[in-house]
Structure formats: structure tokens, C-alpha cells
Amino acid sequence: MPEAAKTKRNTLKRHKQGLIMESLPKTFLHAFQVASQFGVRYIWIDSLCIIQDCKEDWEGESAKMGRVYLNAVFTIAAESATDCQGGLWLDGNQKPQDRVNHVAPHGTTGVENLIISPLQKRAWTLQERELSPKILHFTYGKILWQCKRVRIDPGNGSYNQGDWNGCRYRAFDKPSTSWKYGTVADRLGVWSKIVEDYSSRSLTVWSDRLPALSGLAKELELLTKCEYVAGLWRTDILMGLLWEVQLPIKDTFDAIEVDNRESSSPETAPSWSWASCPYPVTY
């Protein structure tokens, strides 16, 4: 990521005064266009809104990320870009749309682009997907809309209220399958699925193993009134301990490169927690 896309101690004052648009990555510029077209005046981008070389600011602001996503008008997901220079619309023709037409349900298309998205392989983006009330997914050649009740393809106007060809409901969605409206046991039971998904994703900084999931954990803690302990829940501790290593398998969505995972360390999490393991886990 270019330095112009980061707020640091020595650039904080200048960034408060204004940003030099020409120096920002393409994805940022596209996101500004989308927000503007929808009449949204403010936009939150972590690398700009958190002082990157200030540990205190990072710890304080990352703890609030859950609230940021939950209270957002909508979240913009650059699904097809491999980095911040990729942009939202990769084919040069796709443009943001300012309205979505709902028609009779008959399924959706283009979900395969979402399932294989580079964005869905990053650990930090899981809580973005789970907590955001509305998401605009910019996949290659197609825009997909997702909210708490409906998934829609604005390209052909089709929508449904079920899942997207196997993409499960998100943690805070409202349909009857969501644990938000079930018992505490139901809600905690979904946590194992979240951990399985999360543990297969990549992290640049290994010490972020627990922090990158803290926003989602905090919201679940508020819902259930249960105590969160190093990736597990005290009231469900026995089930939480029943994780095992799922060995990496290349050329699949859950594949990871072993060499890119740092070794586990006592500072990351206790040895009994799945978070201490550098590999994908399963229950």
C-alpha cells in the first residue's frame, strides 16, 4: 500500500486538512465516487482513519471496528481486486448504480465471483462481512447487493431471501436461521463455523489473530452476556476445546501456504485455544 494511503504521525495534521486525490489508490477513489453518488458524505477506510504507526491509536480504534461496521450506511467490498490499486470495477466499464429494482424472486447469478474473491481470503474482512448491515460487493463485471434480509443482483434485478448458492447467512442476519433470534446455545453454536472460516484466512501480522475477530466477538458478547476467553466462550468451553487441525490443502478456497503462516507463540493465545494454531481448524 502506498504511503499516501496511510495516516501516520507525521501526516496526521496534513490529512486532517485534506487529501491529495491524485496520490490515492484507485480503490479509494472508486469508493469515494460510490459514496458520493449515493449521497453519503463520510467514508471510513482503516488505513486513513487509524494512525498506522501509533500502537495506542491502533488498539483503541480496532476495538471499535465492530461498531463502525454495524452503524455504517453500507460497506463497499472490492471483491476482485488483489490490492488497493485494483479498483472496484476491473473491466473499465462497470460503474456504480444508484438504484436497485426488486422483482419476483428467481435466484441470483454471479455468486461464483464472490466465493472465489481475494477479499474473502483475508482474515480482517470476515467481521466486515458478518457485521455490516448492507454490503455492495463489486465482483468482476458484476455488482451484488447484500443486506440483512435480501441478496440481490442489480445487473438483472433478481433477488432472493435465501442464501447465495451455498453462501450461508451472516451472523447478524434476521432470517429464522440466524442465531441472533435463537437461544444463547444456538448463538454460540454458530461460533464454531465462524472460527472454521476465519482460521483458513490469511493474516499479514500473526499477532492480529485474535484482534481481527475482536469486533465480532464483542458484539456476540453483548448479545449473549457470555464471557469471551481467548477465542472461546466460558459457558461453552468444553465444546470450544474440541477443535482440531485441518491440514492445508492447496488449490481450494480454504487453502493456505504453510510457509506464510508464522509459528504459534505464547503471546498470540493460550495453547488450548484454536487461535494459537497457525493452521485452519475444524470442529
Protein backbone atom coordinates (compact mmCIF):
# COMPACT_ATOMS: atom_id res chain seq x y z
CA MET A 1 0.00 0.00 0.00
CA PRO A 2 1.44 3.42 -0.94
CA GLU A 3 2.38 5.76 1.88
CA ALA A 4 -0.16 8.32 0.68
CA ALA A 5 -2.89 5.81 1.57
CA LYS A 6 -1.77 5.64 5.21
CA THR A 7 -2.23 8.09 8.03
CA LYS A 8 0.87 8.24 10.22
CA ARG A 9 2.05 10.53 13.00
CA ASN A 10 3.90 12.78 10.58
CA THR A 11 0.99 13.00 8.12
CA LEU A 12 -1.93 13.26 10.57
CA LYS A 13 -2.08 17.05 10.56
CA ARG A 14 -1.86 17.21 6.76
CA HIS A 15 -4.53 14.53 6.31
CA LYS A 16 -6.89 16.43 8.61
CA GLN A 17 -6.58 19.40 6.26
CA GLY A 18 -7.21 17.37 3.14
CA LEU A 19 -6.02 14.52 0.93
CA ILE A 20 -4.21 14.76 -2.39
CA MET A 21 -6.57 12.74 -4.54
CA GLU A 22 -4.07 12.01 -7.30
CA SER A 23 -1.83 10.17 -4.82
CA LEU A 24 -4.51 7.81 -3.50
CA PRO A 25 -5.04 4.22 -4.74
CA LYS A 26 -7.66 3.51 -7.38
CA THR A 27 -9.88 1.53 -4.98
CA PHE A 28 -10.07 4.52 -2.61
CA LEU A 29 -11.01 6.86 -5.45
CA HIS A 30 -13.69 4.49 -6.71
CA ALA A 31 -15.09 4.18 -3.19
CA PHE A 32 -15.30 7.98 -2.94
CA GLN A 33 -17.27 8.01 -6.20
CA VAL A 34 -19.71 5.37 -4.96
CA ALA A 35 -20.28 7.14 -1.64
CA SER A 36 -20.80 10.46 -3.40
CA GLN A 37 -23.26 9.02 -5.89
CA PHE A 38 -25.34 7.59 -3.04
CA GLY A 39 -25.23 10.91 -1.18
CA VAL A 40 -23.04 9.63 1.64
CA ARG A 41 -20.87 12.42 2.95
CA TYR A 42 -18.41 10.49 5.13
CA ILE A 43 -16.38 7.36 4.43
CA TRP A 44 -14.29 5.22 6.79
CA ILE A 45 -11.13 3.50 5.50
CA ASP A 46 -8.98 1.90 8.17
CA SER A 47 -5.58 2.89 6.75
CA LEU A 48 -6.68 6.54 6.62
CA CYS A 49 -8.74 6.69 9.81
CA ILE A 50 -6.32 4.85 12.11
CA ILE A 51 -2.81 6.18 12.75
CA GLN A 52 -0.81 3.31 11.34
CA ASP A 53 2.40 3.82 13.33
CA CYS A 54 0.69 4.52 16.67
CA LYS A 55 0.08 1.37 18.72
CA GLU A 56 -2.25 3.13 21.15
CA ASP A 57 -4.45 4.53 18.39
CA TRP A 58 -4.50 1.22 16.55
CA GLU A 59 -5.52 -0.73 19.66
CA GLY A 60 -8.20 1.79 20.57
CA GLU A 61 -9.69 2.15 17.10
CA SER A 62 -9.52 -1.53 16.15
CA ALA A 63 -11.57 -2.31 19.26
CA LYS A 64 -14.30 -0.04 17.84
CA MET A 65 -14.37 -1.64 14.39
CA GLY A 66 -17.42 -3.71 15.20
CA ARG A 67 -19.43 -0.56 15.87
CA VAL A 68 -18.10 1.05 12.69
CA TYR A 69 -19.42 -1.77 10.51
CA LEU A 70 -22.68 -2.18 12.42
CA ASN A 71 -23.53 1.52 12.13
CA ALA A 72 -22.38 2.03 8.54
CA VAL A 73 -24.89 3.11 5.88
CA PHE A 74 -23.34 0.34 3.78
CA THR A 75 -19.95 -1.31 3.31
CA ILE A 76 -18.13 -1.31 -0.03
CA ALA A 77 -16.38 -4.60 -0.82
CA ALA A 78 -13.75 -4.63 -3.59
CA GLU A 79 -14.10 -8.36 -4.16
CA SER A 80 -12.00 -8.81 -7.28
CA ALA A 81 -9.04 -6.55 -6.52
CA THR A 82 -5.91 -8.18 -5.16
CA ASP A 83 -4.70 -4.90 -3.63
CA CYS A 84 -5.77 -1.29 -3.12
CA GLN A 85 -4.67 -0.36 -6.64
CA GLY A 86 -7.10 -2.76 -8.29
CA GLY A 87 -10.20 -0.58 -8.07
CA LEU A 88 -13.84 -1.59 -7.76
CA TRP A 89 -14.73 -2.11 -11.41
CA LEU A 90 -11.95 -4.02 -13.07
CA ASP A 91 -13.23 -4.24 -16.63
CA GLY A 92 -13.19 -0.49 -17.17
CA ASN A 93 -16.92 -0.35 -18.00
CA GLN A 94 -18.66 -1.31 -14.78
CA LYS A 95 -19.96 1.74 -12.94
CA PRO A 96 -21.81 2.23 -9.64
CA GLN A 97 -25.59 2.17 -9.85
CA ASP A 98 -27.82 4.44 -7.80
CA ARG A 99 -30.92 2.28 -7.59
CA VAL A 100 -31.87 -1.37 -7.28
CA ASN A 101 -35.12 -2.78 -8.66
CA HIS A 102 -36.76 -5.65 -6.77
CA VAL A 103 -38.59 -8.19 -8.94
CA ALA A 104 -40.07 -11.63 -8.38
CA PRO A 105 -37.57 -13.99 -6.69
CA HIS A 106 -35.90 -16.41 -9.06
CA GLY A 107 -32.38 -16.87 -7.72
CA THR A 108 -29.17 -14.97 -8.35
CA THR A 109 -26.13 -15.24 -10.57
CA GLY A 110 -22.53 -14.17 -10.29
CA VAL A 111 -22.10 -15.67 -6.84
CA GLU A 112 -19.15 -17.72 -8.03
CA ASN A 113 -17.23 -14.43 -8.28
CA LEU A 114 -17.97 -13.75 -4.63
CA ILE A 115 -17.00 -17.21 -3.42
CA ILE A 116 -13.54 -17.10 -5.07
CA SER A 117 -12.94 -13.43 -4.24
CA PRO A 118 -9.45 -12.48 -2.97
CA LEU A 119 -11.20 -10.37 -0.34
CA GLN A 120 -12.85 -13.45 1.16
CA LYS A 121 -9.41 -14.96 1.86
CA ARG A 122 -8.36 -12.16 4.23
CA ALA A 123 -8.93 -12.62 7.97
CA TRP A 124 -9.68 -8.96 8.69
CA THR A 125 -12.57 -8.88 6.22
CA LEU A 126 -14.62 -11.59 7.93
CA GLN A 127 -16.06 -9.29 10.58
CA GLU A 128 -16.75 -6.69 7.89
CA ARG A 129 -18.95 -9.22 6.11
CA GLU A 130 -20.60 -10.51 9.28
CA LEU A 131 -21.38 -7.18 10.94
CA SER A 132 -22.21 -4.80 8.10
CA PRO A 133 -25.98 -4.25 7.75
CA LYS A 134 -25.61 -3.69 4.00
CA ILE A 135 -22.81 -4.58 1.59
CA LEU A 136 -22.17 -3.65 -2.03
CA HIS A 137 -19.97 -6.42 -3.46
CA PHE A 138 -18.04 -5.29 -6.54
CA THR A 139 -17.07 -8.53 -8.25
CA TYR A 140 -15.54 -8.83 -11.71
CA GLY A 141 -18.13 -7.50 -14.14
CA LYS A 142 -20.98 -7.59 -11.63
CA ILE A 143 -22.30 -5.81 -8.55
CA LEU A 144 -24.06 -7.79 -5.82
CA TRP A 145 -26.13 -6.28 -3.00
CA GLN A 146 -26.50 -7.92 0.38
CA CYS A 147 -28.47 -6.78 3.40
CA LYS A 148 -29.94 -8.43 6.47
CA ARG A 149 -32.87 -9.93 4.58
CA VAL A 150 -32.18 -9.86 0.84
CA ARG A 151 -29.40 -10.71 -1.58
CA ILE A 152 -29.75 -9.06 -4.98
CA ASP A 153 -28.06 -8.85 -8.36
CA PRO A 154 -28.66 -5.28 -9.64
CA GLY A 155 -27.46 -6.33 -13.07
CA ASN A 156 -30.62 -8.32 -13.83
CA GLY A 157 -32.79 -7.26 -10.89
CA SER A 158 -33.11 -10.77 -9.48
CA TYR A 159 -33.11 -11.32 -5.76
CA ASN A 160 -33.95 -13.91 -3.15
CA GLN A 161 -34.35 -14.15 0.59
CA GLY A 162 -32.43 -17.38 0.89
CA ASP A 163 -28.71 -17.96 0.73
CA TRP A 164 -26.49 -17.32 -2.27
CA ASN A 165 -25.88 -20.76 -3.78
CA GLY A 166 -24.46 -22.14 -0.54
CA CYS A 167 -23.17 -18.85 0.95
CA ARG A 168 -24.61 -19.12 4.46
CA TYR A 169 -26.44 -16.38 6.30
CA ARG A 170 -24.22 -13.92 8.08
CA ALA A 171 -24.03 -13.84 11.86
CA PHE A 172 -26.34 -10.86 12.35
CA ASP A 173 -28.83 -11.53 9.55
CA LYS A 174 -32.51 -11.64 10.51
CA PRO A 175 -33.95 -14.77 8.83
CA SER A 176 -35.05 -17.58 11.13
CA THR A 177 -31.78 -19.45 10.57
CA SER A 178 -29.86 -16.63 12.26
CA TRP A 179 -28.66 -17.23 15.82
CA LYS A 180 -29.42 -13.63 16.75
CA TYR A 181 -33.02 -14.69 17.33
CA GLY A 182 -32.31 -18.11 18.85
CA THR A 183 -31.16 -19.25 22.25
CA VAL A 184 -27.74 -18.47 23.71
CA ALA A 185 -26.71 -22.04 22.87
CA ASP A 186 -27.77 -21.51 19.24
CA ARG A 187 -25.82 -18.29 19.02
CA LEU A 188 -22.66 -19.79 20.48
CA GLY A 189 -23.09 -22.87 18.29
CA VAL A 190 -22.58 -20.77 15.17
CA TRP A 191 -19.26 -19.52 16.56
CA SER A 192 -17.52 -22.77 15.57
CA LYS A 193 -18.49 -22.17 11.93
CA ILE A 194 -17.16 -18.63 12.13
CA VAL A 195 -13.87 -19.92 13.59
CA GLU A 196 -13.53 -22.52 10.83
CA ASP A 197 -13.99 -19.84 8.17
CA TYR A 198 -11.76 -17.32 9.92
CA SER A 199 -8.88 -19.71 10.68
CA SER A 200 -8.49 -20.55 6.97
CA ARG A 201 -7.94 -16.90 6.05
CA SER A 202 -4.61 -15.11 5.69
CA LEU A 203 -3.07 -12.61 8.10
CA THR A 204 -0.13 -10.31 7.37
CA VAL A 205 0.64 -9.85 11.06
CA TRP A 206 0.26 -13.03 13.11
CA SER A 207 -0.32 -11.14 16.37
CA ASP A 208 -3.62 -9.95 14.82
CA ARG A 209 -5.02 -13.48 15.07
CA LEU A 210 -7.45 -12.52 17.88
CA PRO A 211 -7.75 -8.74 17.32
CA ALA A 212 -9.00 -9.25 13.75
CA LEU A 213 -12.01 -11.10 15.18
CA SER A 214 -12.50 -8.95 18.28
CA GLY A 215 -15.24 -6.74 16.82
CA LEU A 216 -17.45 -9.72 16.04
CA ALA A 217 -16.69 -11.34 19.41
CA LYS A 218 -17.58 -8.15 21.26
CA GLU A 219 -20.98 -7.90 19.57
CA LEU A 220 -21.75 -11.54 20.34
CA GLU A 221 -20.65 -10.95 23.92
CA LEU A 222 -23.14 -8.09 24.20
CA LEU A 223 -25.92 -10.26 22.77
CA THR A 224 -25.32 -13.35 24.90
CA LYS A 225 -23.89 -11.79 28.09
CA CYS A 226 -21.33 -14.62 27.96
CA GLU A 227 -17.64 -14.18 28.75
CA TYR A 228 -15.23 -14.33 25.82
CA VAL A 229 -11.90 -16.01 26.62
CA ALA A 230 -9.13 -16.11 24.01
CA GLY A 231 -11.38 -17.14 21.11
CA LEU A 232 -13.69 -19.35 23.17
CA TRP A 233 -16.76 -18.81 25.35
CA ARG A 234 -16.65 -19.68 29.04
CA THR A 235 -20.21 -21.07 29.13
CA ASP A 236 -19.42 -23.28 26.14
CA ILE A 237 -15.79 -24.01 27.00
CA LEU A 238 -15.97 -27.79 26.58
CA MET A 239 -17.29 -27.51 23.03
CA GLY A 240 -14.83 -24.73 22.33
CA LEU A 241 -11.91 -27.01 23.19
CA LEU A 242 -12.94 -29.66 20.65
CA TRP A 243 -11.08 -28.09 17.72
CA GLU A 244 -8.54 -29.93 15.62
CA VAL A 245 -6.13 -29.01 12.85
CA GLN A 246 -7.39 -29.15 9.29
CA LEU A 247 -4.24 -29.69 7.31
CA PRO A 248 -3.73 -27.24 4.39
CA ILE A 249 -4.88 -28.48 1.01
CA LYS A 250 -3.69 -26.44 -1.96
CA ASP A 251 -5.90 -25.27 -4.83
CA THR A 252 -9.07 -25.00 -2.75
CA PHE A 253 -10.82 -21.95 -1.35
CA ASP A 254 -9.59 -22.76 2.14
CA ALA A 255 -6.02 -23.38 1.01
CA ILE A 256 -3.16 -21.61 2.76
CA GLU A 257 0.55 -21.67 2.22
CA VAL A 258 2.18 -23.12 5.32
CA ASP A 259 5.36 -21.10 4.84
CA ASN A 260 3.39 -17.84 5.03
CA ARG A 261 2.00 -18.62 8.48
CA GLU A 262 4.13 -17.58 11.40
CA SER A 263 4.72 -20.12 14.13
CA SER A 264 2.36 -20.01 17.06
CA SER A 265 3.64 -18.26 20.15
CA PRO A 266 2.54 -17.81 23.78
CA GLU A 267 1.86 -14.13 23.07
CA THR A 268 -0.78 -14.94 20.43
CA ALA A 269 -3.11 -17.11 22.52
CA PRO A 270 -3.03 -19.89 25.14
CA SER A 271 -2.13 -23.32 23.75
CA TRP A 272 -5.65 -24.63 24.41
CA SER A 273 -7.17 -22.00 22.11
CA TRP A 274 -7.60 -22.52 18.36
CA ALA A 275 -6.04 -19.05 17.97
CA SER A 276 -2.64 -20.47 18.97
CA CYS A 277 -2.67 -22.75 15.92
CA PRO A 278 -1.23 -21.37 12.64
CA TYR A 279 -3.38 -23.69 10.53
CA PRO A 280 -7.07 -23.89 9.63
CA VAL A 281 -9.08 -25.66 12.32
CA THR A 282 -12.31 -27.61 12.31
CA TYR A 283 -14.77 -28.76 14.97
